[in-house]
Amino acid sequence: MSGEAVVSGGVDVSNEPRPTQLRESSSVIRTAMVTVASGGVTFLITNGLRQDAGISIMLSILIGGIALMVRFLVDFEKRLLAVEKLEKDGMADVKRLIGDAFSEISEATALFGLIEASALQTDLVTQLVRNSTQISPNSPPIVYQFAQAKIKEMSEFLKQLAEGGTTTYYGEDRDWLLGLTKTATKSIDAISMAAVDHDLWESEIGQRYLDAQRRAAGDGKRVRRIFVLDDPEMADDPRLRQVYEEQSGMKIRVRLLDWAKVLTPLRVQVRDLIIFDEILAYETMPTTGDPRRAQVAETRLVLTSSRVREYADLFEELWEASSELHPVQDGQRKA
């Protein structure tokens, strides 16, 4: 089986010499040949000069040894240069690896410092990072892609909150509404338009929202609501009266506002919105002005301080123009 490589246990056991071995063998042969040639030429020259045989042999050995030493020093220098080059390349690679490692460590340290300095709870942020690392590319593709999308969405949402602009959610949101109601620290002022809230209080999200407001009012936070009536006769609607009395019993301050009593310059500004702590505004935009067919087209969180201040001033003006629900008179009840 000459010329074939035999591999046993992952180790090449063929008898065929490797290129490195061939180079080293040829170098040894050349060194030996140069040594012998030098000694032979010296012997021939000294013998031609009719020197004593002992001297000729001694000179041949001396010159051959010198040639061998010179050849050895040349090979040694070449190997030394090669080793120095490898050492320089290796040191450059090590420095690069160490630099990259320290750069990553420095970036991680800086990031952790930002987390420590953040107003958010450190353990919540680290828990988010730790839990996100459990989603790997080996997870089902839909899980991996969905997690990626939610993390990106949350990152952009936090960026917009920090910058204090306007964040838009297309459609009806519930997480923002319930979350802000539960975390309000001072006040909740709401303007309820019939075109948006006509069936809110009977829905599941409306019940949860109302319960969160009840708890906020029970904790001593100011909760106010203005029902904007498209028609003054809506004040006698039994459903509206039931909602009014129910919310009033929850320590929510409720008033009614006849659209006709809204000052003309303010009408274009009136919209379905909630102001939390006079710092953040939550507004919804209907698809149509018809209360029977209206749906929420989009939801916005407004954090621009000047805009929120305008909303707060608008609410105060509408609150002054609104009034409490008058009790039903005996004659009206009999009718």
C-alpha atoms as a PDB file:
ATOM      1  CA  MET A   1       0.000   0.000   0.000  1.00  0.00           C
ATOM      2  CA  SER A   2       2.890   2.298  -0.800  1.00  0.00           C
ATOM      3  CA  GLY A   3       1.934   5.931  -1.423  1.00  0.00           C
ATOM      4  CA  GLU A   4      -1.407   5.647   0.421  1.00  0.00           C
ATOM      5  CA  ALA A   5      -2.068   7.422   3.705  1.00  0.00           C
ATOM      6  CA  VAL A   6      -3.399   5.258   6.517  1.00  0.00           C
ATOM      7  CA  VAL A   7      -5.335   7.044   9.265  1.00  0.00           C
ATOM      8  CA  SER A   8      -5.901   5.317  12.595  1.00  0.00           C
ATOM      9  CA  GLY A   9      -7.671   7.008  15.501  1.00  0.00           C
ATOM     10  CA  GLY A  10      -7.418  10.410  13.798  1.00  0.00           C
ATOM     11  CA  VAL A  11      -3.597  10.167  13.482  1.00  0.00           C
ATOM     12  CA  ASP A  12      -1.811   9.891  10.161  1.00  0.00           C
ATOM     13  CA  VAL A  13       0.380   6.742  10.385  1.00  0.00           C
ATOM     14  CA  SER A  14       1.488   6.591   6.767  1.00  0.00           C
ATOM     15  CA  ASN A  15       5.177   6.006   6.119  1.00  0.00           C
ATOM     16  CA  GLU A  16       5.285   8.721   3.503  1.00  0.00           C
ATOM     17  CA  PRO A  17       7.375  11.742   4.643  1.00  0.00           C
ATOM     18  CA  ARG A  18       5.663  15.091   5.078  1.00  0.00           C
ATOM     19  CA  PRO A  19       6.766  18.306   3.251  1.00  0.00           C
ATOM     20  CA  THR A  20       8.282  19.741   6.442  1.00  0.00           C
ATOM     21  CA  GLN A  21      10.245  16.575   7.035  1.00  0.00           C
ATOM     22  CA  LEU A  22      11.465  16.602   3.424  1.00  0.00           C
ATOM     23  CA  ARG A  23      12.661  20.220   3.724  1.00  0.00           C
ATOM     24  CA  GLU A  24      14.525  19.508   6.951  1.00  0.00           C
ATOM     25  CA  SER A  25      16.098  16.338   5.462  1.00  0.00           C
ATOM     26  CA  SER A  26      17.256  18.159   2.323  1.00  0.00           C
ATOM     27  CA  SER A  27      18.720  20.974   4.442  1.00  0.00           C
ATOM     28  CA  VAL A  28      20.755  18.454   6.469  1.00  0.00           C
ATOM     29  CA  ILE A  29      21.963  16.756   3.292  1.00  0.00           C
ATOM     30  CA  ARG A  30      23.036  20.076   1.763  1.00  0.00           C
ATOM     31  CA  THR A  31      24.876  21.027   4.962  1.00  0.00           C
ATOM     32  CA  ALA A  32      26.702  17.676   4.990  1.00  0.00           C
ATOM     33  CA  MET A  33      27.578  17.977   1.301  1.00  0.00           C
ATOM     34  CA  VAL A  34      28.915  21.539   1.788  1.00  0.00           C
ATOM     35  CA  THR A  35      31.010  20.364   4.734  1.00  0.00           C
ATOM     36  CA  VAL A  36      32.416  17.407   2.835  1.00  0.00           C
ATOM     37  CA  ALA A  37      33.020  19.466  -0.294  1.00  0.00           C
ATOM     38  CA  SER A  38      34.853  22.155   1.685  1.00  0.00           C
ATOM     39  CA  GLY A  39      37.026  19.577   3.405  1.00  0.00           C
ATOM     40  CA  GLY A  40      37.689  17.763   0.109  1.00  0.00           C
ATOM     41  CA  VAL A  41      38.673  20.913  -1.756  1.00  0.00           C
ATOM     42  CA  THR A  42      40.962  21.917   1.089  1.00  0.00           C
ATOM     43  CA  PHE A  43      42.583  18.479   1.066  1.00  0.00           C
ATOM     44  CA  LEU A  44      43.144  18.647  -2.692  1.00  0.00           C
ATOM     45  CA  ILE A  45      44.659  22.126  -2.476  1.00  0.00           C
ATOM     46  CA  THR A  46      47.003  21.295   0.401  1.00  0.00           C
ATOM     47  CA  ASN A  47      47.940  18.001  -1.191  1.00  0.00           C
ATOM     48  CA  GLY A  48      48.679  19.825  -4.455  1.00  0.00           C
ATOM     49  CA  LEU A  49      50.964  22.150  -2.563  1.00  0.00           C
ATOM     50  CA  ARG A  50      52.823  19.042  -1.358  1.00  0.00           C
ATOM     51  CA  GLN A  51      51.952  19.598   2.286  1.00  0.00           C
ATOM     52  CA  ASP A  52      52.335  16.890   4.874  1.00  0.00           C
ATOM     53  CA  ALA A  53      49.416  14.425   4.848  1.00  0.00           C
ATOM     54  CA  GLY A  54      48.651  15.082   8.526  1.00  0.00           C
ATOM     55  CA  ILE A  55      48.523  18.831   7.932  1.00  0.00           C
ATOM     56  CA  SER A  56      46.317  18.345   4.855  1.00  0.00           C
ATOM     57  CA  ILE A  57      43.864  16.217   6.811  1.00  0.00           C
ATOM     58  CA  MET A  58      43.869  18.639   9.763  1.00  0.00           C
ATOM     59  CA  LEU A  59      43.268  21.643   7.475  1.00  0.00           C
ATOM     60  CA  SER A  60      40.504  19.780   5.651  1.00  0.00           C
ATOM     61  CA  ILE A  61      38.765  19.030   8.933  1.00  0.00           C
ATOM     62  CA  LEU A  62      39.234  22.644  10.104  1.00  0.00           C
ATOM     63  CA  ILE A  63      37.881  24.220   6.909  1.00  0.00           C
ATOM     64  CA  GLY A  64      35.014  21.715   6.799  1.00  0.00           C
ATOM     65  CA  GLY A  65      34.169  22.506  10.432  1.00  0.00           C
ATOM     66  CA  ILE A  66      34.253  26.227   9.705  1.00  0.00           C
ATOM     67  CA  ALA A  67      31.941  25.721   6.723  1.00  0.00           C
ATOM     68  CA  LEU A  68      29.640  23.623   8.888  1.00  0.00           C
ATOM     69  CA  MET A  69      29.603  26.295  11.598  1.00  0.00           C
ATOM     70  CA  VAL A  70      28.908  29.075   9.084  1.00  0.00           C
ATOM     71  CA  ARG A  71      26.104  27.027   7.542  1.00  0.00           C
ATOM     72  CA  PHE A  72      24.705  26.347  11.009  1.00  0.00           C
ATOM     73  CA  LEU A  73      24.841  30.055  11.938  1.00  0.00           C
ATOM     74  CA  VAL A  74      23.062  31.029   8.703  1.00  0.00           C
ATOM     75  CA  ASP A  75      20.318  28.473   9.295  1.00  0.00           C
ATOM     76  CA  PHE A  76      20.081  29.557  12.928  1.00  0.00           C
ATOM     77  CA  GLU A  77      19.709  33.215  11.919  1.00  0.00           C
ATOM     78  CA  LYS A  78      16.977  32.337   9.434  1.00  0.00           C
ATOM     79  CA  ARG A  79      15.116  30.343  12.063  1.00  0.00           C
ATOM     80  CA  LEU A  80      15.603  33.128  14.611  1.00  0.00           C
ATOM     81  CA  LEU A  81      14.155  35.691  12.193  1.00  0.00           C
ATOM     82  CA  ALA A  82      11.220  33.385  11.504  1.00  0.00           C
ATOM     83  CA  VAL A  83      10.615  32.936  15.230  1.00  0.00           C
ATOM     84  CA  GLU A  84      10.814  36.707  15.803  1.00  0.00           C
ATOM     85  CA  LYS A  85       8.299  37.269  13.009  1.00  0.00           C
ATOM     86  CA  LEU A  86       5.955  34.694  14.476  1.00  0.00           C
ATOM     87  CA  GLU A  87       6.381  36.278  17.880  1.00  0.00           C
ATOM     88  CA  LYS A  88       5.554  39.746  16.529  1.00  0.00           C
ATOM     89  CA  ASP A  89       2.520  38.435  14.666  1.00  0.00           C
ATOM     90  CA  GLY A  90       1.440  36.510  17.745  1.00  0.00           C
ATOM     91  CA  MET A  91       1.866  39.546  19.995  1.00  0.00           C
ATOM     92  CA  ALA A  92      -0.135  41.671  17.547  1.00  0.00           C
ATOM     93  CA  ASP A  93      -2.940  39.088  17.579  1.00  0.00           C
ATOM     94  CA  VAL A  94      -2.827  38.890  21.379  1.00  0.00           C
ATOM     95  CA  LYS A  95      -2.919  42.688  21.679  1.00  0.00           C
ATOM     96  CA  ARG A  96      -5.847  42.849  19.273  1.00  0.00           C
ATOM     97  CA  LEU A  97      -7.739  40.147  21.174  1.00  0.00           C
ATOM     98  CA  ILE A  98      -7.001  41.792  24.522  1.00  0.00           C
ATOM     99  CA  GLY A  99      -8.022  45.190  23.132  1.00  0.00           C
ATOM    100  CA  ASP A 100     -11.301  43.794  21.811  1.00  0.00           C
ATOM    101  CA  ALA A 101     -11.953  42.037  25.111  1.00  0.00           C
ATOM    102  CA  PHE A 102     -11.259  45.181  27.130  1.00  0.00           C
ATOM    103  CA  SER A 103     -13.401  47.197  24.731  1.00  0.00           C
ATOM    104  CA  GLU A 104     -16.304  44.808  25.274  1.00  0.00           C
ATOM    105  CA  ILE A 105     -15.706  44.844  29.019  1.00  0.00           C
ATOM    106  CA  SER A 106     -15.558  48.640  29.005  1.00  0.00           C
ATOM    107  CA  GLU A 107     -18.781  48.857  26.999  1.00  0.00           C
ATOM    108  CA  ALA A 108     -20.502  46.374  29.306  1.00  0.00           C
ATOM    109  CA  THR A 109     -19.251  48.294  32.351  1.00  0.00           C
ATOM    110  CA  ALA A 110     -20.484  51.580  30.926  1.00  0.00           C
ATOM    111  CA  LEU A 111     -23.849  50.024  30.103  1.00  0.00           C
ATOM    112  CA  PHE A 112     -24.175  48.608  33.606  1.00  0.00           C
ATOM    113  CA  GLY A 113     -23.255  52.027  34.996  1.00  0.00           C
ATOM    114  CA  LEU A 114     -26.089  53.567  32.973  1.00  0.00           C
ATOM    115  CA  ILE A 115     -28.462  50.921  34.317  1.00  0.00           C
ATOM    116  CA  GLU A 116     -27.367  51.691  37.869  1.00  0.00           C
ATOM    117  CA  ALA A 117     -27.875  55.422  37.292  1.00  0.00           C
ATOM    118  CA  SER A 118     -31.259  54.949  35.608  1.00  0.00           C
ATOM    119  CA  ALA A 119     -34.469  55.942  37.363  1.00  0.00           C
ATOM    120  CA  LEU A 120     -35.849  52.503  36.537  1.00  0.00           C
ATOM    121  CA  GLN A 121     -35.348  49.675  38.998  1.00  0.00           C
ATOM    122  CA  THR A 122     -32.049  47.941  38.261  1.00  0.00           C
ATOM    123  CA  ASP A 123     -33.368  44.475  39.011  1.00  0.00           C
ATOM    124  CA  LEU A 124     -36.193  44.900  36.478  1.00  0.00           C
ATOM    125  CA  VAL A 125     -33.797  45.916  33.702  1.00  0.00           C
ATOM    126  CA  THR A 126     -31.350  43.096  34.462  1.00  0.00           C
ATOM    127  CA  GLN A 127     -34.255  40.659  34.653  1.00  0.00           C
ATOM    128  CA  LEU A 128     -35.364  41.776  31.175  1.00  0.00           C
ATOM    129  CA  VAL A 129     -31.859  41.215  29.804  1.00  0.00           C
ATOM    130  CA  ARG A 130     -31.517  37.846  31.560  1.00  0.00           C
ATOM    131  CA  ASN A 131     -34.877  36.613  30.312  1.00  0.00           C
ATOM    132  CA  SER A 132     -34.198  37.789  26.760  1.00  0.00           C
ATOM    133  CA  THR A 133     -31.015  35.690  26.626  1.00  0.00           C
ATOM    134  CA  GLN A 134     -33.127  32.566  27.087  1.00  0.00           C
ATOM    135  CA  ILE A 135     -34.586  33.099  23.599  1.00  0.00           C
ATOM    136  CA  SER A 136     -32.081  31.631  21.170  1.00  0.00           C
ATOM    137  CA  PRO A 137     -32.023  31.160  17.387  1.00  0.00           C
ATOM    138  CA  ASN A 138     -32.656  27.471  18.114  1.00  0.00           C
ATOM    139  CA  SER A 139     -36.096  28.369  19.468  1.00  0.00           C
ATOM    140  CA  PRO A 140     -39.063  27.932  17.115  1.00  0.00           C
ATOM    141  CA  PRO A 141     -38.793  30.592  14.383  1.00  0.00           C
ATOM    142  CA  ILE A 142     -42.119  32.218  15.268  1.00  0.00           C
ATOM    143  CA  VAL A 143     -41.076  32.541  18.941  1.00  0.00           C
ATOM    144  CA  TYR A 144     -37.670  33.962  18.020  1.00  0.00           C
ATOM    145  CA  GLN A 145     -39.062  36.468  15.503  1.00  0.00           C
ATOM    146  CA  PHE A 146     -41.905  37.535  17.815  1.00  0.00           C
ATOM    147  CA  ALA A 147     -39.496  38.103  20.716  1.00  0.00           C
ATOM    148  CA  GLN A 148     -37.222  40.142  18.451  1.00  0.00           C
ATOM    149  CA  ALA A 149     -40.160  42.286  17.303  1.00  0.00           C
ATOM    150  CA  LYS A 150     -41.395  42.926  20.862  1.00  0.00           C
ATOM    151  CA  ILE A 151     -37.928  43.874  22.121  1.00  0.00           C
ATOM    152  CA  LYS A 152     -37.493  46.277  19.193  1.00  0.00           C
ATOM    153  CA  GLU A 153     -40.955  47.734  19.812  1.00  0.00           C
ATOM    154  CA  MET A 154     -40.224  48.202  23.520  1.00  0.00           C
ATOM    155  CA  SER A 155     -36.851  49.781  22.759  1.00  0.00           C
ATOM    156  CA  GLU A 156     -38.407  52.312  20.388  1.00  0.00           C
ATOM    157  CA  PHE A 157     -41.223  53.008  22.865  1.00  0.00           C
ATOM    158  CA  LEU A 158     -38.762  53.739  25.699  1.00  0.00           C
ATOM    159  CA  LYS A 159     -36.748  55.982  23.376  1.00  0.00           C
ATOM    160  CA  GLN A 160     -39.860  57.989  22.505  1.00  0.00           C
ATOM    161  CA  LEU A 161     -40.833  58.267  26.176  1.00  0.00           C
ATOM    162  CA  ALA A 162     -37.353  59.524  27.050  1.00  0.00           C
ATOM    163  CA  GLU A 163     -37.387  62.088  24.227  1.00  0.00           C
ATOM    164  CA  GLY A 164     -40.782  63.400  25.349  1.00  0.00           C
ATOM    165  CA  GLY A 165     -42.563  63.455  22.001  1.00  0.00           C
ATOM    166  CA  THR A 166     -45.685  61.684  20.754  1.00  0.00           C
ATOM    167  CA  THR A 167     -46.114  57.915  20.514  1.00  0.00           C
ATOM    168  CA  THR A 168     -48.819  56.464  18.273  1.00  0.00           C
ATOM    169  CA  TYR A 169     -50.539  53.092  18.473  1.00  0.00           C
ATOM    170  CA  TYR A 170     -52.708  52.258  15.470  1.00  0.00           C
ATOM    171  CA  GLY A 171     -55.997  50.948  16.789  1.00  0.00           C
ATOM    172  CA  GLU A 172     -57.407  50.694  20.287  1.00  0.00           C
ATOM    173  CA  ASP A 173     -54.812  50.226  23.001  1.00  0.00           C
ATOM    174  CA  ARG A 174     -55.462  48.709  26.388  1.00  0.00           C
ATOM    175  CA  ASP A 175     -52.023  48.268  27.945  1.00  0.00           C
ATOM    176  CA  TRP A 176     -51.259  51.993  27.963  1.00  0.00           C
ATOM    177  CA  LEU A 177     -54.715  52.871  29.293  1.00  0.00           C
ATOM    178  CA  LEU A 178     -54.735  50.383  32.156  1.00  0.00           C
ATOM    179  CA  GLY A 179     -51.046  50.808  32.969  1.00  0.00           C
ATOM    180  CA  LEU A 180     -51.201  54.605  33.192  1.00  0.00           C
ATOM    181  CA  THR A 181     -54.403  54.498  35.258  1.00  0.00           C
ATOM    182  CA  LYS A 182     -52.806  52.101  37.741  1.00  0.00           C
ATOM    183  CA  THR A 183     -49.563  54.064  38.004  1.00  0.00           C
ATOM    184  CA  ALA A 184     -50.980  57.608  38.180  1.00  0.00           C
ATOM    185  CA  THR A 185     -49.647  59.341  41.280  1.00  0.00           C
ATOM    186  CA  LYS A 186     -51.720  62.516  41.512  1.00  0.00           C
ATOM    187  CA  SER A 187     -54.640  62.954  39.146  1.00  0.00           C
ATOM    188  CA  ILE A 188     -56.659  61.541  36.247  1.00  0.00           C
ATOM    189  CA  ASP A 189     -58.728  63.998  34.199  1.00  0.00           C
ATOM    190  CA  ALA A 190     -60.814  62.502  31.390  1.00  0.00           C
ATOM    191  CA  ILE A 191     -62.967  63.912  28.604  1.00  0.00           C
ATOM    192  CA  SER A 192     -65.379  61.271  27.268  1.00  0.00           C
ATOM    193  CA  MET A 193     -66.830  61.852  23.820  1.00  0.00           C
ATOM    194  CA  ALA A 194     -69.928  59.967  22.776  1.00  0.00           C
ATOM    195  CA  ALA A 195     -68.322  59.103  19.413  1.00  0.00           C
ATOM    196  CA  VAL A 196     -65.599  57.100  21.145  1.00  0.00           C
ATOM    197  CA  ASP A 197     -66.996  55.974  24.497  1.00  0.00           C
ATOM    198  CA  HIS A 198     -70.567  55.130  23.498  1.00  0.00           C
ATOM    199  CA  ASP A 199     -70.137  51.455  24.412  1.00  0.00           C
ATOM    200  CA  LEU A 200     -66.923  51.587  26.454  1.00  0.00           C
ATOM    201  CA  TRP A 201     -68.436  51.041  29.896  1.00  0.00           C
ATOM    202  CA  GLU A 202     -70.151  47.798  28.913  1.00  0.00           C
ATOM    203  CA  SER A 203     -67.001  46.279  27.402  1.00  0.00           C
ATOM    204  CA  GLU A 204     -64.377  44.172  29.184  1.00  0.00           C
ATOM    205  CA  ILE A 205     -61.666  46.813  28.853  1.00  0.00           C
ATOM    206  CA  GLY A 206     -64.111  49.493  30.042  1.00  0.00           C
ATOM    207  CA  GLN A 207     -64.856  47.509  33.196  1.00  0.00           C
ATOM    208  CA  ARG A 208     -61.148  47.044  33.914  1.00  0.00           C
ATOM    209  CA  TYR A 209     -60.474  50.715  33.237  1.00  0.00           C
ATOM    210  CA  LEU A 210     -63.307  51.785  35.535  1.00  0.00           C
ATOM    211  CA  ASP A 211     -62.092  49.445  38.288  1.00  0.00           C
ATOM    212  CA  ALA A 212     -58.576  50.926  38.022  1.00  0.00           C
ATOM    213  CA  GLN A 213     -60.062  54.419  38.330  1.00  0.00           C
ATOM    214  CA  ARG A 214     -62.140  53.323  41.325  1.00  0.00           C
ATOM    215  CA  ARG A 215     -59.003  52.103  43.060  1.00  0.00           C
ATOM    216  CA  ALA A 216     -57.146  55.322  42.212  1.00  0.00           C
ATOM    217  CA  ALA A 217     -59.973  57.432  43.642  1.00  0.00           C
ATOM    218  CA  GLY A 218     -60.091  55.199  46.709  1.00  0.00           C
ATOM    219  CA  ASP A 219     -56.376  55.865  47.248  1.00  0.00           C
ATOM    220  CA  GLY A 220     -57.035  59.595  47.419  1.00  0.00           C
ATOM    221  CA  LYS A 221     -56.069  60.536  43.866  1.00  0.00           C
ATOM    222  CA  ARG A 222     -58.195  63.082  42.053  1.00  0.00           C
ATOM    223  CA  VAL A 223     -60.292  61.448  39.341  1.00  0.00           C
ATOM    224  CA  ARG A 224     -62.558  63.640  37.223  1.00  0.00           C
ATOM    225  CA  ARG A 225     -64.622  62.921  34.108  1.00  0.00           C
ATOM    226  CA  ILE A 226     -66.556  65.151  31.720  1.00  0.00           C
ATOM    227  CA  PHE A 227     -69.235  63.497  29.576  1.00  0.00           C
ATOM    228  CA  VAL A 228     -69.658  65.596  26.420  1.00  0.00           C
ATOM    229  CA  LEU A 229     -73.294  65.343  25.242  1.00  0.00           C
ATOM    230  CA  ASP A 230     -74.061  65.742  21.554  1.00  0.00           C
ATOM    231  CA  ASP A 231     -77.669  66.500  22.459  1.00  0.00           C
ATOM    232  CA  PRO A 232     -78.993  68.009  25.725  1.00  0.00           C
ATOM    233  CA  GLU A 233     -81.684  65.321  25.826  1.00  0.00           C
ATOM    234  CA  MET A 234     -78.947  62.735  26.373  1.00  0.00           C
ATOM    235  CA  ALA A 235     -78.912  63.874  30.021  1.00  0.00           C
ATOM    236  CA  ASP A 236     -82.224  62.040  30.488  1.00  0.00           C
ATOM    237  CA  ASP A 237     -80.896  58.802  28.959  1.00  0.00           C
ATOM    238  CA  PRO A 238     -81.306  56.050  31.604  1.00  0.00           C
ATOM    239  CA  ARG A 239     -78.044  54.394  30.532  1.00  0.00           C
ATOM    240  CA  LEU A 240     -76.097  57.627  30.943  1.00  0.00           C
ATOM    241  CA  ARG A 241     -77.695  58.263  34.328  1.00  0.00           C
ATOM    242  CA  GLN A 242     -76.788  54.770  35.450  1.00  0.00           C
ATOM    243  CA  VAL A 243     -73.148  55.257  34.384  1.00  0.00           C
ATOM    244  CA  TYR A 244     -73.077  58.690  36.031  1.00  0.00           C
ATOM    245  CA  GLU A 245     -74.436  57.436  39.350  1.00  0.00           C
ATOM    246  CA  GLU A 246     -72.236  54.345  39.288  1.00  0.00           C
ATOM    247  CA  GLN A 247     -69.051  56.348  38.785  1.00  0.00           C
ATOM    248  CA  SER A 248     -70.080  59.013  41.284  1.00  0.00           C
ATOM    249  CA  GLY A 249     -70.476  56.256  43.860  1.00  0.00           C
ATOM    250  CA  MET A 250     -66.835  55.294  43.182  1.00  0.00           C
ATOM    251  CA  LYS A 251     -65.623  58.743  44.337  1.00  0.00           C
ATOM    252  CA  ILE A 252     -65.129  59.794  40.723  1.00  0.00           C
ATOM    253  CA  ARG A 253     -66.154  63.406  40.182  1.00  0.00           C
ATOM    254  CA  VAL A 254     -68.421  63.423  37.132  1.00  0.00           C
ATOM    255  CA  ARG A 255     -69.946  66.286  35.193  1.00  0.00           C
ATOM    256  CA  LEU A 256     -71.962  66.675  31.985  1.00  0.00           C
ATOM    257  CA  LEU A 257     -71.213  69.156  29.231  1.00  0.00           C
ATOM    258  CA  ASP A 258     -73.693  70.181  26.553  1.00  0.00           C
ATOM    259  CA  TRP A 259     -71.816  70.520  23.247  1.00  0.00           C
ATOM    260  CA  ALA A 260     -73.822  73.673  22.522  1.00  0.00           C
ATOM    261  CA  LYS A 261     -72.317  75.325  25.604  1.00  0.00           C
ATOM    262  CA  VAL A 262     -68.726  74.775  24.456  1.00  0.00           C
ATOM    263  CA  LEU A 263     -67.215  78.038  23.288  1.00  0.00           C
ATOM    264  CA  THR A 264     -66.797  78.107  19.518  1.00  0.00           C
ATOM    265  CA  PRO A 265     -62.982  78.599  19.622  1.00  0.00           C
ATOM    266  CA  LEU A 266     -62.684  75.535  21.863  1.00  0.00           C
ATOM    267  CA  ARG A 267     -64.810  73.136  19.833  1.00  0.00           C
ATOM    268  CA  VAL A 268     -62.031  72.249  17.421  1.00  0.00           C
ATOM    269  CA  GLN A 269     -59.832  71.309  20.395  1.00  0.00           C
ATOM    270  CA  VAL A 270     -62.321  69.089  22.212  1.00  0.00           C
ATOM    271  CA  ARG A 271     -61.461  65.420  21.820  1.00  0.00           C
ATOM    272  CA  ASP A 272     -61.559  62.164  23.757  1.00  0.00           C
ATOM    273  CA  LEU A 273     -58.535  62.337  26.014  1.00  0.00           C
ATOM    274  CA  ILE A 274     -57.194  61.556  29.466  1.00  0.00           C
ATOM    275  CA  ILE A 275     -54.568  63.635  31.280  1.00  0.00           C
ATOM    276  CA  PHE A 276     -52.454  61.754  33.820  1.00  0.00           C
ATOM    277  CA  ASP A 277     -50.737  63.752  36.571  1.00  0.00           C
ATOM    278  CA  GLU A 278     -50.889  66.794  34.239  1.00  0.00           C
ATOM    279  CA  ILE A 279     -47.730  65.380  32.640  1.00  0.00           C
ATOM    280  CA  LEU A 280     -48.903  62.921  30.021  1.00  0.00           C
ATOM    281  CA  ALA A 281     -51.962  62.918  27.752  1.00  0.00           C
ATOM    282  CA  TYR A 282     -53.690  59.853  26.308  1.00  0.00           C
ATOM    283  CA  GLU A 283     -55.968  60.592  23.363  1.00  0.00           C
ATOM    284  CA  THR A 284     -57.979  58.450  20.975  1.00  0.00           C
ATOM    285  CA  MET A 285     -59.094  59.344  17.467  1.00  0.00           C
ATOM    286  CA  PRO A 286     -62.385  57.895  16.138  1.00  0.00           C
ATOM    287  CA  THR A 287     -62.843  56.546  12.614  1.00  0.00           C
ATOM    288  CA  THR A 288     -66.062  58.553  12.227  1.00  0.00           C
ATOM    289  CA  GLY A 289     -68.173  61.032  14.130  1.00  0.00           C
ATOM    290  CA  ASP A 290     -71.207  58.751  14.124  1.00  0.00           C
ATOM    291  CA  PRO A 291     -71.460  57.255  17.644  1.00  0.00           C
ATOM    292  CA  ARG A 292     -73.220  54.165  16.335  1.00  0.00           C
ATOM    293  CA  ARG A 293     -70.432  53.214  13.936  1.00  0.00           C
ATOM    294  CA  ALA A 294     -67.342  54.860  15.411  1.00  0.00           C
ATOM    295  CA  GLN A 295     -64.278  52.810  16.293  1.00  0.00           C
ATOM    296  CA  VAL A 296     -60.878  53.852  17.576  1.00  0.00           C
ATOM    297  CA  ALA A 297     -58.603  54.590  14.624  1.00  0.00           C
ATOM    298  CA  GLU A 298     -55.463  55.301  16.635  1.00  0.00           C
ATOM    299  CA  THR A 299     -54.230  56.012  20.138  1.00  0.00           C
ATOM    300  CA  ARG A 300     -51.609  58.591  21.035  1.00  0.00           C
ATOM    301  CA  LEU A 301     -49.445  59.264  24.036  1.00  0.00           C
ATOM    302  CA  VAL A 302     -48.469  62.933  24.162  1.00  0.00           C
ATOM    303  CA  LEU A 303     -45.510  63.861  26.365  1.00  0.00           C
ATOM    304  CA  THR A 304     -44.645  67.275  24.924  1.00  0.00           C
ATOM    305  CA  SER A 305     -44.979  69.534  27.966  1.00  0.00           C
ATOM    306  CA  SER A 306     -46.449  72.509  26.066  1.00  0.00           C
ATOM    307  CA  ARG A 307     -49.060  70.306  24.399  1.00  0.00           C
ATOM    308  CA  VAL A 308     -50.019  68.611  27.665  1.00  0.00           C
ATOM    309  CA  ARG A 309     -50.338  72.036  29.289  1.00  0.00           C
ATOM    310  CA  GLU A 310     -52.780  73.059  26.553  1.00  0.00           C
ATOM    311  CA  TYR A 311     -54.832  69.932  27.198  1.00  0.00           C
ATOM    312  CA  ALA A 312     -54.863  70.604  30.949  1.00  0.00           C
ATOM    313  CA  ASP A 313     -56.031  74.195  30.402  1.00  0.00           C
ATOM    314  CA  LEU A 314     -58.704  72.950  27.992  1.00  0.00           C
ATOM    315  CA  PHE A 315     -59.980  70.481  30.570  1.00  0.00           C
ATOM    316  CA  GLU A 316     -60.232  73.186  33.234  1.00  0.00           C
ATOM    317  CA  GLU A 317     -62.258  75.436  30.931  1.00  0.00           C
ATOM    318  CA  LEU A 318     -64.596  72.595  30.006  1.00  0.00           C
ATOM    319  CA  TRP A 319     -64.885  71.582  33.676  1.00  0.00           C
ATOM    320  CA  GLU A 320     -66.021  75.098  34.601  1.00  0.00           C
ATOM    321  CA  ALA A 321     -68.573  75.069  31.743  1.00  0.00           C
ATOM    322  CA  SER A 322     -69.950  71.658  32.712  1.00  0.00           C
ATOM    323  CA  SER A 323     -72.430  70.803  35.458  1.00  0.00           C
ATOM    324  CA  GLU A 324     -73.520  67.912  37.599  1.00  0.00           C
ATOM    325  CA  LEU A 325     -76.470  65.760  36.651  1.00  0.00           C
ATOM    326  CA  HIS A 326     -79.728  67.090  37.988  1.00  0.00           C
ATOM    327  CA  PRO A 327     -81.949  64.561  39.731  1.00  0.00           C
ATOM    328  CA  VAL A 328     -85.047  63.419  37.889  1.00  0.00           C
ATOM    329  CA  GLN A 329     -88.142  65.333  38.950  1.00  0.00           C
ATOM    330  CA  ASP A 330     -91.219  63.453  40.179  1.00  0.00           C
ATOM    331  CA  GLY A 331     -93.237  64.604  37.234  1.00  0.00           C
ATOM    332  CA  GLN A 332     -90.559  63.395  34.795  1.00  0.00           C
ATOM    333  CA  ARG A 333     -90.268  60.065  36.619  1.00  0.00           C
ATOM    334  CA  LYS A 334     -94.046  59.475  36.358  1.00  0.00           C
ATOM    335  CA  ALA A 335     -94.039  60.439  32.732  1.00  0.00           C
END
